Amino acid sequence: MTLQDAKIAALDGSPLDLEALRGRAVLVVNVASKCGLTPQYTGLEELQQRYGDRGLTVLGVPCNQFRGQEPGTAEEIQSFCSTTYGVTFPMTEKVDVNGPDRHPLYEELTATADAEGTAGDVQWNFEKFLIGTDGTVVHRFRPRTEPTSDEVVQGIEAALPR
């Protein structure tokens, strides 16, 4: 399965056309509004602004599985992200990233190992998966890895369309 094969709704409930992301690098991040890592939205938006015209799309995936840190409605999440962090990148519906109700997109993503060789469940909010232009996962970055860290930026630059 590739990213484009996944079916997921946008935050407003409308179908999200992942096919439109074919040929782009995509940074998929499970996000939460009430987490100690929430300020990473700033770095995610910075990446979207810096690399969007060069072929990167950041894709935010709200998830409430980690201590209930994304409790809001779709409208509340959208308002928080746009007002507090100026988020312009697309956001999906709220989904489970772990457990028996894990979204199929995350079934595929969590099969990918991180730099230490560990695959499996998402550890916490703001875990990042970098998808290459062919729709397959090329890197997995754990939650505490800042979006604008050298490690993530180098991965993005290598994954951008040529």
N, C-alpha and C. Protein backbone atom coordinates (compact mmCIF):
# COMPACT_ATOMS: atom_id res chain seq x y z
N MET A 1 0.84 -1.18 0.00
CA MET A 1 0.00 0.00 0.00
C MET A 1 0.89 1.24 0.00
N THR A 2 0.47 2.26 -0.73
CA THR A 2 1.14 3.55 -0.70
C THR A 2 0.23 4.55 -0.02
N LEU A 3 0.78 5.72 0.29
CA LEU A 3 -0.01 6.78 0.92
C LEU A 3 -1.26 7.07 0.10
N GLN A 4 -1.12 7.11 -1.20
CA GLN A 4 -2.25 7.46 -2.06
C GLN A 4 -3.36 6.42 -2.04
N ASP A 5 -3.06 5.20 -1.62
CA ASP A 5 -4.07 4.14 -1.55
C ASP A 5 -4.95 4.26 -0.30
N ALA A 6 -4.49 4.99 0.70
CA ALA A 6 -5.23 5.11 1.96
C ALA A 6 -6.48 5.96 1.76
N LYS A 7 -7.51 5.63 2.50
CA LYS A 7 -8.75 6.40 2.48
C LYS A 7 -8.90 7.04 3.85
N ILE A 8 -8.98 8.37 3.86
CA ILE A 8 -9.13 9.10 5.11
C ILE A 8 -9.85 10.41 4.81
N ALA A 9 -10.62 10.86 5.75
CA ALA A 9 -11.36 12.11 5.56
C ALA A 9 -10.51 13.29 6.02
N ALA A 10 -10.84 14.45 5.49
CA ALA A 10 -10.25 15.69 5.96
C ALA A 10 -10.85 16.03 7.31
N LEU A 11 -10.28 16.98 8.00
CA LEU A 11 -10.76 17.36 9.32
C LEU A 11 -12.22 17.78 9.29
N ASP A 12 -12.66 18.39 8.20
CA ASP A 12 -14.06 18.83 8.11
C ASP A 12 -15.02 17.70 7.71
N GLY A 13 -14.49 16.48 7.55
CA GLY A 13 -15.33 15.33 7.22
C GLY A 13 -15.44 15.04 5.74
N SER A 14 -14.98 15.93 4.90
CA SER A 14 -15.02 15.68 3.45
C SER A 14 -13.91 14.70 3.08
N PRO A 15 -14.06 14.01 1.95
CA PRO A 15 -13.00 13.09 1.54
C PRO A 15 -11.69 13.85 1.30
N LEU A 16 -10.59 13.29 1.74
CA LEU A 16 -9.28 13.89 1.50
C LEU A 16 -8.65 13.16 0.34
N ASP A 17 -8.31 13.88 -0.70
CA ASP A 17 -7.77 13.27 -1.91
C ASP A 17 -6.27 13.08 -1.78
N LEU A 18 -5.86 11.95 -1.25
CA LEU A 18 -4.44 11.67 -1.10
C LEU A 18 -3.77 11.43 -2.46
N GLU A 19 -4.56 11.11 -3.45
CA GLU A 19 -4.02 10.94 -4.81
C GLU A 19 -3.37 12.25 -5.29
N ALA A 20 -3.89 13.37 -4.81
CA ALA A 20 -3.33 14.67 -5.19
C ALA A 20 -1.91 14.85 -4.66
N LEU A 21 -1.50 14.00 -3.70
CA LEU A 21 -0.15 14.09 -3.14
C LEU A 21 0.85 13.22 -3.89
N ARG A 22 0.38 12.49 -4.89
CA ARG A 22 1.29 11.65 -5.67
C ARG A 22 2.39 12.53 -6.27
N GLY A 23 3.62 12.08 -6.16
CA GLY A 23 4.75 12.83 -6.69
C GLY A 23 5.30 13.87 -5.72
N ARG A 24 4.70 13.99 -4.55
CA ARG A 24 5.17 14.92 -3.52
C ARG A 24 5.75 14.13 -2.35
N ALA A 25 6.66 14.73 -1.63
CA ALA A 25 7.09 14.17 -0.34
C ALA A 25 6.04 14.61 0.68
N VAL A 26 5.72 13.74 1.62
CA VAL A 26 4.68 14.04 2.61
C VAL A 26 5.22 13.68 3.99
N LEU A 27 5.08 14.61 4.93
CA LEU A 27 5.45 14.35 6.32
C LEU A 27 4.15 14.18 7.09
N VAL A 28 3.85 12.92 7.45
CA VAL A 28 2.62 12.58 8.17
C VAL A 28 2.93 12.63 9.66
N VAL A 29 2.14 13.41 10.41
CA VAL A 29 2.41 13.61 11.83
C VAL A 29 1.11 13.48 12.62
N ASN A 30 1.09 12.60 13.64
CA ASN A 30 -0.08 12.56 14.52
C ASN A 30 0.06 13.71 15.51
N VAL A 31 -0.96 14.55 15.55
CA VAL A 31 -0.88 15.81 16.30
C VAL A 31 -1.89 15.86 17.43
N ALA A 32 -1.64 16.76 18.38
CA ALA A 32 -2.54 16.97 19.51
C ALA A 32 -2.39 18.40 19.99
N SER A 33 -3.49 18.98 20.43
CA SER A 33 -3.53 20.39 20.81
C SER A 33 -3.14 20.67 22.25
N LYS A 34 -3.16 19.65 23.10
CA LYS A 34 -2.93 19.88 24.53
C LYS A 34 -1.78 19.02 25.05
N CYS A 35 -0.70 19.01 24.31
CA CYS A 35 0.46 18.17 24.60
C CYS A 35 1.67 19.07 24.82
N GLY A 36 2.62 18.59 25.61
CA GLY A 36 3.86 19.34 25.79
C GLY A 36 4.63 19.53 24.49
N LEU A 37 4.34 18.68 23.50
CA LEU A 37 5.02 18.78 22.20
C LEU A 37 4.23 19.62 21.19
N THR A 38 3.07 20.14 21.58
CA THR A 38 2.23 20.92 20.67
C THR A 38 2.98 22.07 20.00
N PRO A 39 3.93 22.73 20.67
CA PRO A 39 4.68 23.78 19.97
C PRO A 39 5.40 23.31 18.71
N GLN A 40 5.49 22.00 18.49
CA GLN A 40 6.08 21.52 17.23
C GLN A 40 5.26 21.95 16.01
N TYR A 41 4.01 22.37 16.24
CA TYR A 41 3.23 22.92 15.12
C TYR A 41 4.00 24.05 14.44
N THR A 42 4.73 24.85 15.21
CA THR A 42 5.50 25.95 14.63
C THR A 42 6.51 25.43 13.62
N GLY A 43 7.25 24.40 13.99
CA GLY A 43 8.23 23.82 13.08
C GLY A 43 7.60 23.13 11.89
N LEU A 44 6.47 22.48 12.11
CA LEU A 44 5.77 21.83 11.00
C LEU A 44 5.31 22.86 9.98
N GLU A 45 4.75 23.96 10.46
CA GLU A 45 4.32 25.01 9.54
C GLU A 45 5.52 25.65 8.84
N GLU A 46 6.63 25.79 9.56
CA GLU A 46 7.84 26.31 8.94
C GLU A 46 8.29 25.42 7.79
N LEU A 47 8.25 24.10 7.99
CA LEU A 47 8.60 23.17 6.92
C LEU A 47 7.65 23.31 5.73
N GLN A 48 6.35 23.43 6.02
CA GLN A 48 5.37 23.59 4.94
C GLN A 48 5.67 24.85 4.13
N GLN A 49 5.98 25.93 4.82
CA GLN A 49 6.28 27.19 4.11
C GLN A 49 7.60 27.11 3.34
N ARG A 50 8.61 26.50 3.95
CA ARG A 50 9.93 26.44 3.33
C ARG A 50 9.97 25.51 2.13
N TYR A 51 9.28 24.36 2.23
CA TYR A 51 9.41 23.33 1.20
C TYR A 51 8.14 23.05 0.39
N GLY A 52 7.05 23.69 0.72
CA GLY A 52 5.79 23.43 0.02
C GLY A 52 5.89 23.63 -1.48
N ASP A 53 6.53 24.73 -1.89
CA ASP A 53 6.67 25.00 -3.33
C ASP A 53 7.65 24.06 -4.01
N ARG A 54 8.45 23.37 -3.22
CA ARG A 54 9.43 22.43 -3.78
C ARG A 54 8.93 21.00 -3.75
N GLY A 55 7.69 20.78 -3.25
CA GLY A 55 7.11 19.45 -3.34
C GLY A 55 6.88 18.73 -2.03
N LEU A 56 6.84 19.44 -0.89
CA LEU A 56 6.54 18.82 0.40
C LEU A 56 5.14 19.21 0.84
N THR A 57 4.42 18.26 1.40
CA THR A 57 3.17 18.54 2.09
C THR A 57 3.26 17.94 3.48
N VAL A 58 3.03 18.76 4.50
CA VAL A 58 2.88 18.27 5.86
C VAL A 58 1.42 17.86 5.99
N LEU A 59 1.16 16.71 6.58
CA LEU A 59 -0.20 16.21 6.77
C LEU A 59 -0.40 15.94 8.26
N GLY A 60 -1.23 16.75 8.90
CA GLY A 60 -1.51 16.58 10.32
C GLY A 60 -2.65 15.60 10.53
N VAL A 61 -2.44 14.67 11.47
CA VAL A 61 -3.43 13.64 11.76
C VAL A 61 -3.78 13.70 13.25
N PRO A 62 -4.85 14.41 13.61
CA PRO A 62 -5.22 14.49 15.02
C PRO A 62 -5.52 13.11 15.62
N CYS A 63 -5.06 12.94 16.86
CA CYS A 63 -5.24 11.68 17.57
C CYS A 63 -5.42 11.97 19.05
N ASN A 64 -6.39 11.32 19.67
CA ASN A 64 -6.69 11.55 21.08
C ASN A 64 -6.30 10.35 21.95
N GLN A 65 -5.39 9.50 21.48
CA GLN A 65 -5.05 8.28 22.20
C GLN A 65 -4.02 8.45 23.30
N PHE A 66 -3.36 9.57 23.36
CA PHE A 66 -2.29 9.76 24.34
C PHE A 66 -2.75 10.73 25.41
N ARG A 67 -3.25 10.16 26.51
CA ARG A 67 -3.75 10.92 27.66
C ARG A 67 -4.81 11.95 27.29
N GLY A 68 -5.59 11.67 26.26
CA GLY A 68 -6.69 12.55 25.88
C GLY A 68 -6.26 13.95 25.53
N GLN A 69 -5.12 14.09 24.85
CA GLN A 69 -4.55 15.41 24.57
C GLN A 69 -5.06 16.05 23.28
N GLU A 70 -6.02 15.40 22.62
CA GLU A 70 -6.69 16.00 21.46
C GLU A 70 -8.19 15.78 21.62
N PRO A 71 -8.80 16.42 22.66
CA PRO A 71 -10.21 16.15 22.97
C PRO A 71 -11.21 16.92 22.13
N GLY A 72 -10.77 17.93 21.40
CA GLY A 72 -11.68 18.84 20.73
C GLY A 72 -12.42 18.26 19.55
N THR A 73 -13.43 19.01 19.14
CA THR A 73 -14.16 18.69 17.91
C THR A 73 -13.31 19.11 16.72
N ALA A 74 -13.72 18.72 15.54
CA ALA A 74 -13.00 19.13 14.33
C ALA A 74 -12.91 20.65 14.24
N GLU A 75 -13.99 21.34 14.56
CA GLU A 75 -14.00 22.80 14.49
C GLU A 75 -13.04 23.40 15.51
N GLU A 76 -13.00 22.83 16.71
CA GLU A 76 -12.10 23.34 17.74
C GLU A 76 -10.64 23.11 17.36
N ILE A 77 -10.35 21.95 16.81
CA ILE A 77 -8.99 21.64 16.38
C ILE A 77 -8.56 22.60 15.28
N GLN A 78 -9.42 22.79 14.28
CA GLN A 78 -9.10 23.68 13.17
C GLN A 78 -8.85 25.10 13.66
N SER A 79 -9.74 25.58 14.53
CA SER A 79 -9.60 26.93 15.07
C SER A 79 -8.31 27.08 15.86
N PHE A 80 -8.01 26.12 16.72
CA PHE A 80 -6.79 26.17 17.52
C PHE A 80 -5.55 26.22 16.61
N CYS A 81 -5.50 25.33 15.63
CA CYS A 81 -4.32 25.23 14.76
C CYS A 81 -4.11 26.48 13.93
N SER A 82 -5.19 27.01 13.37
CA SER A 82 -5.04 28.19 12.52
C SER A 82 -4.80 29.45 13.34
N THR A 83 -5.49 29.59 14.46
CA THR A 83 -5.35 30.80 15.28
C THR A 83 -4.05 30.82 16.05
N THR A 84 -3.68 29.72 16.67
CA THR A 84 -2.51 29.68 17.54
C THR A 84 -1.21 29.50 16.76
N TYR A 85 -1.23 28.69 15.71
CA TYR A 85 0.01 28.36 15.01
C TYR A 85 0.00 28.73 13.52
N GLY A 86 -1.08 29.29 13.02
CA GLY A 86 -1.14 29.67 11.62
C GLY A 86 -1.01 28.51 10.66
N VAL A 87 -1.50 27.35 11.07
CA VAL A 87 -1.36 26.14 10.26
C VAL A 87 -2.09 26.28 8.92
N THR A 88 -1.36 26.00 7.85
CA THR A 88 -1.93 26.03 6.50
C THR A 88 -1.93 24.65 5.86
N PHE A 89 -1.22 23.70 6.45
CA PHE A 89 -1.15 22.37 5.84
C PHE A 89 -2.44 21.60 6.11
N PRO A 90 -2.73 20.59 5.29
CA PRO A 90 -3.97 19.83 5.46
C PRO A 90 -3.98 19.01 6.75
N MET A 91 -5.18 18.85 7.29
CA MET A 91 -5.39 18.05 8.49
C MET A 91 -6.46 17.01 8.17
N THR A 92 -6.29 15.82 8.74
CA THR A 92 -7.27 14.76 8.54
C THR A 92 -8.26 14.74 9.69
N GLU A 93 -9.22 13.85 9.55
CA GLU A 93 -10.12 13.54 10.65
C GLU A 93 -9.30 12.99 11.81
N LYS A 94 -9.88 13.01 13.01
CA LYS A 94 -9.23 12.43 14.19
C LYS A 94 -9.31 10.91 14.07
N VAL A 95 -8.17 10.23 14.25
CA VAL A 95 -8.13 8.77 14.12
C VAL A 95 -7.31 8.16 15.25
N ASP A 96 -7.43 6.83 15.38
CA ASP A 96 -6.56 6.06 16.26
C ASP A 96 -5.33 5.66 15.45
N VAL A 97 -4.16 5.78 16.09
CA VAL A 97 -2.92 5.39 15.43
C VAL A 97 -2.37 4.08 15.98
N ASN A 98 -2.93 3.62 17.09
CA ASN A 98 -2.53 2.36 17.73
C ASN A 98 -3.78 1.57 18.08
N GLY A 99 -3.58 0.30 18.41
CA GLY A 99 -4.66 -0.52 18.94
C GLY A 99 -5.57 -1.13 17.90
N PRO A 100 -6.65 -1.76 18.38
CA PRO A 100 -7.54 -2.51 17.49
C PRO A 100 -8.29 -1.63 16.47
N ASP A 101 -8.45 -0.35 16.77
CA ASP A 101 -9.13 0.55 15.85
C ASP A 101 -8.15 1.44 15.08
N ARG A 102 -6.89 1.01 15.02
CA ARG A 102 -5.86 1.77 14.30
C ARG A 102 -6.32 1.99 12.86
N HIS A 103 -6.17 3.21 12.40
CA HIS A 103 -6.55 3.54 11.02
C HIS A 103 -5.64 2.76 10.05
N PRO A 104 -6.18 2.28 8.93
CA PRO A 104 -5.36 1.53 7.97
C PRO A 104 -4.09 2.26 7.52
N LEU A 105 -4.14 3.57 7.43
CA LEU A 105 -2.93 4.33 7.08
C LEU A 105 -1.82 4.04 8.09
N TYR A 106 -2.19 3.99 9.36
CA TYR A 106 -1.19 3.74 10.40
C TYR A 106 -0.80 2.27 10.51
N GLU A 107 -1.62 1.37 9.99
CA GLU A 107 -1.19 -0.03 9.88
C GLU A 107 0.07 -0.09 9.02
N GLU A 108 0.05 0.65 7.95
CA GLU A 108 1.19 0.67 7.02
C GLU A 108 2.36 1.45 7.62
N LEU A 109 2.08 2.62 8.15
CA LEU A 109 3.15 3.48 8.66
C LEU A 109 3.92 2.81 9.80
N THR A 110 3.21 2.20 10.74
CA THR A 110 3.87 1.65 11.93
C THR A 110 4.68 0.39 11.63
N ALA A 111 4.56 -0.14 10.44
CA ALA A 111 5.40 -1.28 10.04
C ALA A 111 6.83 -0.82 9.73
N THR A 112 7.02 0.49 9.60
CA THR A 112 8.32 1.05 9.28
C THR A 112 9.14 1.26 10.55
N ALA A 113 10.39 0.88 10.51
CA ALA A 113 11.28 1.06 11.65
C ALA A 113 11.87 2.46 11.68
N ASP A 114 12.21 2.90 12.89
CA ASP A 114 12.90 4.18 13.05
C ASP A 114 14.40 3.98 12.82
N ALA A 115 15.20 4.99 13.09
CA ALA A 115 16.65 4.93 12.85
C ALA A 115 17.34 3.86 13.68
N GLU A 116 16.73 3.51 14.82
CA GLU A 116 17.31 2.47 15.68
C GLU A 116 16.82 1.07 15.30
N GLY A 117 15.97 0.98 14.29
CA GLY A 117 15.49 -0.32 13.84
C GLY A 117 14.22 -0.80 14.52
N THR A 118 13.53 0.09 15.24
CA THR A 118 12.33 -0.29 15.97
C THR A 118 11.08 0.14 15.22
N ALA A 119 10.24 -0.82 14.91
CA ALA A 119 8.94 -0.56 14.28
C ALA A 119 7.87 -0.71 15.36
N GLY A 120 6.61 -0.69 14.94
CA GLY A 120 5.53 -0.91 15.90
C GLY A 120 4.79 0.35 16.25
N ASP A 121 4.08 0.29 17.36
CA ASP A 121 3.18 1.37 17.76
C ASP A 121 3.84 2.74 17.78
N VAL A 122 3.01 3.74 17.49
CA VAL A 122 3.40 5.13 17.65
C VAL A 122 3.62 5.34 19.15
N GLN A 123 4.71 6.01 19.51
CA GLN A 123 5.06 6.19 20.92
C GLN A 123 4.27 7.30 21.60
N TRP A 124 3.98 8.38 20.88
CA TRP A 124 3.34 9.54 21.49
C TRP A 124 2.92 10.49 20.38
N ASN A 125 2.32 11.60 20.77
CA ASN A 125 1.95 12.64 19.81
C ASN A 125 3.20 13.16 19.08
N PHE A 126 3.01 13.57 17.86
CA PHE A 126 4.04 14.19 17.03
C PHE A 126 5.12 13.23 16.54
N GLU A 127 4.75 11.95 16.39
CA GLU A 127 5.63 11.02 15.68
C GLU A 127 5.49 11.33 14.19
N LYS A 128 6.60 11.29 13.47
CA LYS A 128 6.62 11.76 12.09
C LYS A 128 7.05 10.63 11.15
N PHE A 129 6.34 10.54 10.04
CA PHE A 129 6.66 9.57 8.99
C PHE A 129 6.86 10.35 7.70
N LEU A 130 8.02 10.21 7.10
CA LEU A 130 8.31 10.90 5.84
C LEU A 130 8.04 9.92 4.70
N ILE A 131 7.15 10.32 3.82
CA ILE A 131 6.75 9.51 2.67
C ILE A 131 7.44 10.08 1.43
N GLY A 132 8.05 9.22 0.65
CA GLY A 132 8.71 9.65 -0.57
C GLY A 132 7.72 9.91 -1.69
N THR A 133 8.22 10.41 -2.79
CA THR A 133 7.36 10.77 -3.93
C THR A 133 6.64 9.56 -4.52
N ASP A 134 7.13 8.35 -4.24
CA ASP A 134 6.47 7.15 -4.74
C ASP A 134 5.37 6.66 -3.79
N GLY A 135 5.17 7.37 -2.68
CA GLY A 135 4.10 7.02 -1.74
C GLY A 135 4.50 6.04 -0.66
N THR A 136 5.78 5.68 -0.57
CA THR A 136 6.22 4.73 0.46
C THR A 136 7.03 5.46 1.54
N VAL A 137 7.04 4.88 2.73
CA VAL A 137 7.73 5.50 3.87
C VAL A 137 9.24 5.40 3.67
N VAL A 138 9.92 6.55 3.84
CA VAL A 138 11.38 6.56 3.71
C VAL A 138 12.07 6.83 5.05
N HIS A 139 11.38 7.47 6.00
CA HIS A 139 11.95 7.73 7.32
C HIS A 139 10.85 7.77 8.36
N ARG A 140 11.23 7.40 9.58
CA ARG A 140 10.34 7.52 10.73
C ARG A 140 11.11 8.26 11.82
N PHE A 141 10.50 9.32 12.34
CA PHE A 141 11.12 10.14 13.37
C PHE A 141 10.24 10.11 14.60
N ARG A 142 10.82 9.82 15.74
CA ARG A 142 10.07 9.72 16.99
C ARG A 142 9.62 11.10 17.47
N PRO A 143 8.68 11.14 18.40
CA PRO A 143 8.02 12.38 18.80
C PRO A 143 8.94 13.53 19.23
N ARG A 144 9.98 13.24 19.95
CA ARG A 144 10.83 14.32 20.46
C ARG A 144 11.78 14.89 19.40
N THR A 145 11.82 14.28 18.23
CA THR A 145 12.64 14.82 17.14
C THR A 145 11.92 16.06 16.59
N GLU A 146 12.56 17.20 16.75
CA GLU A 146 11.95 18.46 16.30
C GLU A 146 11.79 18.46 14.78
N PRO A 147 10.68 19.01 14.30
CA PRO A 147 10.44 19.03 12.85
C PRO A 147 11.56 19.71 12.05
N THR A 148 12.20 20.72 12.63
CA THR A 148 13.24 21.44 11.90
C THR A 148 14.65 20.97 12.25
N SER A 149 14.75 19.80 12.90
CA SER A 149 16.07 19.25 13.21
C SER A 149 16.81 18.90 11.92
N ASP A 150 18.13 18.86 12.00
CA ASP A 150 18.94 18.51 10.83
C ASP A 150 18.51 17.17 10.25
N GLU A 151 18.22 16.22 11.12
CA GLU A 151 17.83 14.88 10.70
C GLU A 151 16.58 14.90 9.82
N VAL A 152 15.57 15.64 10.25
CA VAL A 152 14.32 15.71 9.48
C VAL A 152 14.53 16.52 8.21
N VAL A 153 15.18 17.66 8.32
CA VAL A 153 15.41 18.51 7.15
C VAL A 153 16.21 17.77 6.07
N GLN A 154 17.24 17.05 6.47
CA GLN A 154 18.04 16.29 5.49
C GLN A 154 17.19 15.21 4.83
N GLY A 155 16.33 14.55 5.62
CA GLY A 155 15.44 13.55 5.05
C GLY A 155 14.48 14.16 4.04
N ILE A 156 13.91 15.31 4.40
CA ILE A 156 12.99 15.99 3.49
C ILE A 156 13.70 16.38 2.21
N GLU A 157 14.85 17.01 2.34
CA GLU A 157 15.57 17.46 1.14
C GLU A 157 15.91 16.30 0.21
N ALA A 158 16.23 15.16 0.78
CA ALA A 158 16.53 13.98 -0.04
C ALA A 158 15.27 13.40 -0.68
N ALA A 159 14.10 13.60 -0.04
CA ALA A 159 12.86 13.02 -0.53
C ALA A 159 12.10 13.91 -1.52
N LEU A 160 12.46 15.17 -1.60
CA LEU A 160 11.75 16.10 -2.49
C LEU A 160 11.83 15.65 -3.94
N PRO A 161 10.80 15.98 -4.72
CA PRO A 161 10.85 15.63 -6.14
C PRO A 161 12.03 16.29 -6.83
N ARG A 162 12.57 15.60 -7.77
CA ARG A 162 13.74 16.14 -8.51
C ARG A 162 13.31 16.80 -9.79
